[in-house]
C-alpha atoms as a PDB file:
ATOM      1  CA  PHE A   1    -124.517 -19.774  77.257  1.00  0.00           C
ATOM      2  CA  LEU A   2    -127.007 -16.923  77.657  1.00  0.00           C
ATOM      3  CA  SER A   3    -127.111 -16.244  73.921  1.00  0.00           C
ATOM      4  CA  GLN A   4    -129.170 -19.404  73.376  1.00  0.00           C
ATOM      5  CA  PHE A   5    -132.151 -17.827  75.137  1.00  0.00           C
ATOM      6  CA  LYS A   6    -133.998 -15.585  72.701  1.00  0.00           C
ATOM      7  CA  THR A   7    -137.415 -15.492  74.368  1.00  0.00           C
ATOM      8  CA  GLU A   8    -139.023 -16.034  77.737  1.00  0.00           C
ATOM      9  CA  ALA A   9    -140.345 -19.371  76.407  1.00  0.00           C
ATOM     10  CA  ASP A  10    -136.741 -20.506  75.773  1.00  0.00           C
ATOM     11  CA  VAL A  11    -135.804 -19.738  79.381  1.00  0.00           C
ATOM     12  CA  SER A  12    -138.932 -21.472  80.661  1.00  0.00           C
ATOM     13  CA  LYS A  13    -138.212 -24.587  78.571  1.00  0.00           C
ATOM     14  CA  PHE A  14    -134.628 -24.697  79.852  1.00  0.00           C
ATOM     15  CA  LEU A  15    -135.739 -24.361  83.485  1.00  0.00           C
ATOM     16  CA  LYS A  16    -138.339 -27.096  83.000  1.00  0.00           C
ATOM     17  CA  GLN A  17    -135.701 -29.483  81.605  1.00  0.00           C
ATOM     18  CA  LEU A  18    -133.207 -28.570  84.316  1.00  0.00           C
ATOM     19  CA  HIS A  19    -135.809 -29.135  87.040  1.00  0.00           C
ATOM     20  CA  ALA A  20    -136.655 -32.569  85.608  1.00  0.00           C
ATOM     21  CA  GLN A  21    -132.967 -33.547  85.464  1.00  0.00           C
ATOM     22  CA  VAL A  22    -132.392 -32.449  89.055  1.00  0.00           C
ATOM     23  CA  LEU A  23    -135.415 -34.423  90.268  1.00  0.00           C
ATOM     24  CA  GLU A  24    -134.215 -37.539  88.437  1.00  0.00           C
ATOM     25  CA  LYS A  25    -130.738 -37.232  89.980  1.00  0.00           C
ATOM     26  CA  MET A  26    -132.299 -36.763  93.419  1.00  0.00           C
ATOM     27  CA  LEU A  27    -134.362 -39.922  92.889  1.00  0.00           C
ATOM     28  CA  GLU A  28    -131.253 -41.862  91.841  1.00  0.00           C
ATOM     29  CA  GLY A  29    -129.540 -40.656  95.025  1.00  0.00           C
ATOM     30  CA  GLU A  30    -132.534 -41.753  97.076  1.00  0.00           C
ATOM     31  CA  MET A  31    -132.359 -45.186  95.431  1.00  0.00           C
ATOM     32  CA  ASP A  32    -128.621 -45.413  96.223  1.00  0.00           C
ATOM     33  CA  ALA A  33    -129.368 -44.630  99.869  1.00  0.00           C
ATOM     34  CA  HIS A  34    -132.301 -47.064  99.958  1.00  0.00           C
ATOM     35  CA  LEU A  35    -130.280 -49.960  98.553  1.00  0.00           C
ATOM     36  CA  GLY A  36    -127.035 -49.059 100.298  1.00  0.00           C
ATOM     37  CA  TYR A  37    -124.870 -49.061  97.172  1.00  0.00           C
ATOM     38  CA  GLU A  38    -124.382 -46.999  94.022  1.00  0.00           C
ATOM     39  CA  LYS A  39    -125.631 -48.022  90.602  1.00  0.00           C
ATOM     40  CA  ASN A  40    -123.465 -50.692  88.906  1.00  0.00           C
ATOM     41  CA  SER A  41    -121.521 -51.336  92.120  1.00  0.00           C
ATOM     42  CA  VAL A  42    -120.424 -54.911  92.796  1.00  0.00           C
ATOM     43  CA  ALA A  43    -121.557 -54.363  96.397  1.00  0.00           C
ATOM     44  CA  GLY A  44    -125.101 -54.908  95.156  1.00  0.00           C
ATOM     45  CA  ASN A  45    -124.459 -58.450  93.913  1.00  0.00           C
ATOM     46  CA  ASN A  46    -126.562 -60.960  95.863  1.00  0.00           C
ATOM     47  CA  SER A  47    -127.770 -58.199  98.201  1.00  0.00           C
ATOM     48  CA  GLY A  48    -131.367 -59.409  98.237  1.00  0.00           C
ATOM     49  CA  ASN A  49    -132.697 -56.268  96.571  1.00  0.00           C
ATOM     50  CA  SER A  50    -131.552 -54.434  93.480  1.00  0.00           C
ATOM     51  CA  ARG A  51    -132.590 -51.877  90.914  1.00  0.00           C
ATOM     52  CA  ASN A  52    -135.353 -53.015  88.595  1.00  0.00           C
ATOM     53  CA  GLY A  53    -135.435 -50.384  85.888  1.00  0.00           C
ATOM     54  CA  SER A  54    -137.627 -47.327  86.001  1.00  0.00           C
ATOM     55  CA  TYR A  55    -140.995 -46.064  84.891  1.00  0.00           C
ATOM     56  CA  PRO A  56    -142.132 -42.734  83.447  1.00  0.00           C
ATOM     57  CA  LYS A  57    -144.249 -40.441  85.574  1.00  0.00           C
ATOM     58  CA  LYS A  58    -145.965 -37.238  84.529  1.00  0.00           C
ATOM     59  CA  ILE A  59    -145.638 -34.578  87.202  1.00  0.00           C
ATOM     60  CA  GLN A  60    -146.615 -30.954  87.639  1.00  0.00           C
ATOM     61  CA  THR A  61    -143.815 -28.590  88.658  1.00  0.00           C
ATOM     62  CA  GLU A  62    -143.410 -24.849  89.044  1.00  0.00           C
ATOM     63  CA  HIS A  63    -142.370 -24.810  85.381  1.00  0.00           C
ATOM     64  CA  GLY A  64    -145.263 -26.851  84.000  1.00  0.00           C
ATOM     65  CA  GLU A  65    -146.013 -30.479  83.280  1.00  0.00           C
ATOM     66  CA  THR A  66    -143.099 -32.795  82.560  1.00  0.00           C
ATOM     67  CA  VAL A  67    -142.323 -36.507  82.393  1.00  0.00           C
ATOM     68  CA  ILE A  68    -139.531 -37.914  84.552  1.00  0.00           C
ATOM     69  CA  THR A  69    -138.244 -41.438  85.127  1.00  0.00           C
ATOM     70  CA  ILE A  70    -138.730 -42.934  88.573  1.00  0.00           C
ATOM     71  CA  PRO A  71    -136.331 -45.747  89.549  1.00  0.00           C
ATOM     72  CA  ARG A  72    -137.747 -48.876  91.123  1.00  0.00           C
ATOM     73  CA  ASP A  73    -136.318 -51.719  93.152  1.00  0.00           C
ATOM     74  CA  ARG A  74    -136.961 -55.410  92.736  1.00  0.00           C
ATOM     75  CA  ASN A  75    -138.736 -55.790  96.099  1.00  0.00           C
ATOM     76  CA  GLY A  76    -141.014 -52.781  95.503  1.00  0.00           C
ATOM     77  CA  GLN A  77    -140.026 -51.156  98.807  1.00  0.00           C
ATOM     78  CA  PHE A  78    -138.580 -47.917  97.416  1.00  0.00           C
ATOM     79  CA  GLU A  79    -140.593 -44.926  98.674  1.00  0.00           C
ATOM     80  CA  PRO A  80    -139.303 -41.790  96.923  1.00  0.00           C
ATOM     81  CA  ILE A  81    -139.336 -38.543  98.894  1.00  0.00           C
ATOM     82  CA  ALA A  82    -138.712 -36.060  96.056  1.00  0.00           C
ATOM     83  CA  VAL A  83    -141.725 -37.354  94.107  1.00  0.00           C
ATOM     84  CA  PRO A  84    -143.919 -39.416  96.458  1.00  0.00           C
ATOM     85  CA  LYS A  85    -145.893 -42.363  95.132  1.00  0.00           C
ATOM     86  CA  HIS A  86    -149.452 -41.615  94.005  1.00  0.00           C
ATOM     87  CA  GLU A  87    -148.772 -37.870  93.772  1.00  0.00           C
ATOM     88  CA  SER A  88    -148.414 -35.878  90.586  1.00  0.00           C
ATOM     89  CA  ARG A  89    -146.656 -32.889  92.078  1.00  0.00           C
ATOM     90  CA  GLY A  90    -142.926 -33.000  92.605  1.00  0.00           C
ATOM     91  CA  LEU A  91    -141.403 -31.276  95.571  1.00  0.00           C
ATOM     92  CA  SER A  92    -139.801 -27.957  94.899  1.00  0.00           C
ATOM     93  CA  ILE A  93    -136.039 -28.260  94.524  1.00  0.00           C
ATOM     94  CA  GLU A  94    -135.629 -25.690  97.264  1.00  0.00           C
ATOM     95  CA  LYS A  95    -137.444 -28.002  99.721  1.00  0.00           C
END
C-alpha cells in the first residue's frame, strides 16, 4: 500500500480523495437519518419524501479544493451538517 506513494504530492492527492469520500459517505448517512430509511430501501416507498439525486459542490478542505456530490431530497428540506448549504468549506472530519 505505502509503495504507491513516491512523493509528498502523491500522499496529498490520496488524502484529498479520501477526505472527499468520507464527506460524501457522511452526507449519505445524514440523508438516511433525515429520511428515516436507507438508500434503495422499500421503507421509503410512498413515504412523502425521497432522494432526488445529487449535485456537485466545490469545497475547500484542509487538503485543497475538491468537488463532492451532495445528496438532495424531493421536498428540499435536507440541511446537511458536514457541508452546510451556502458554504464552501467542509467541516473537518475530526469535528
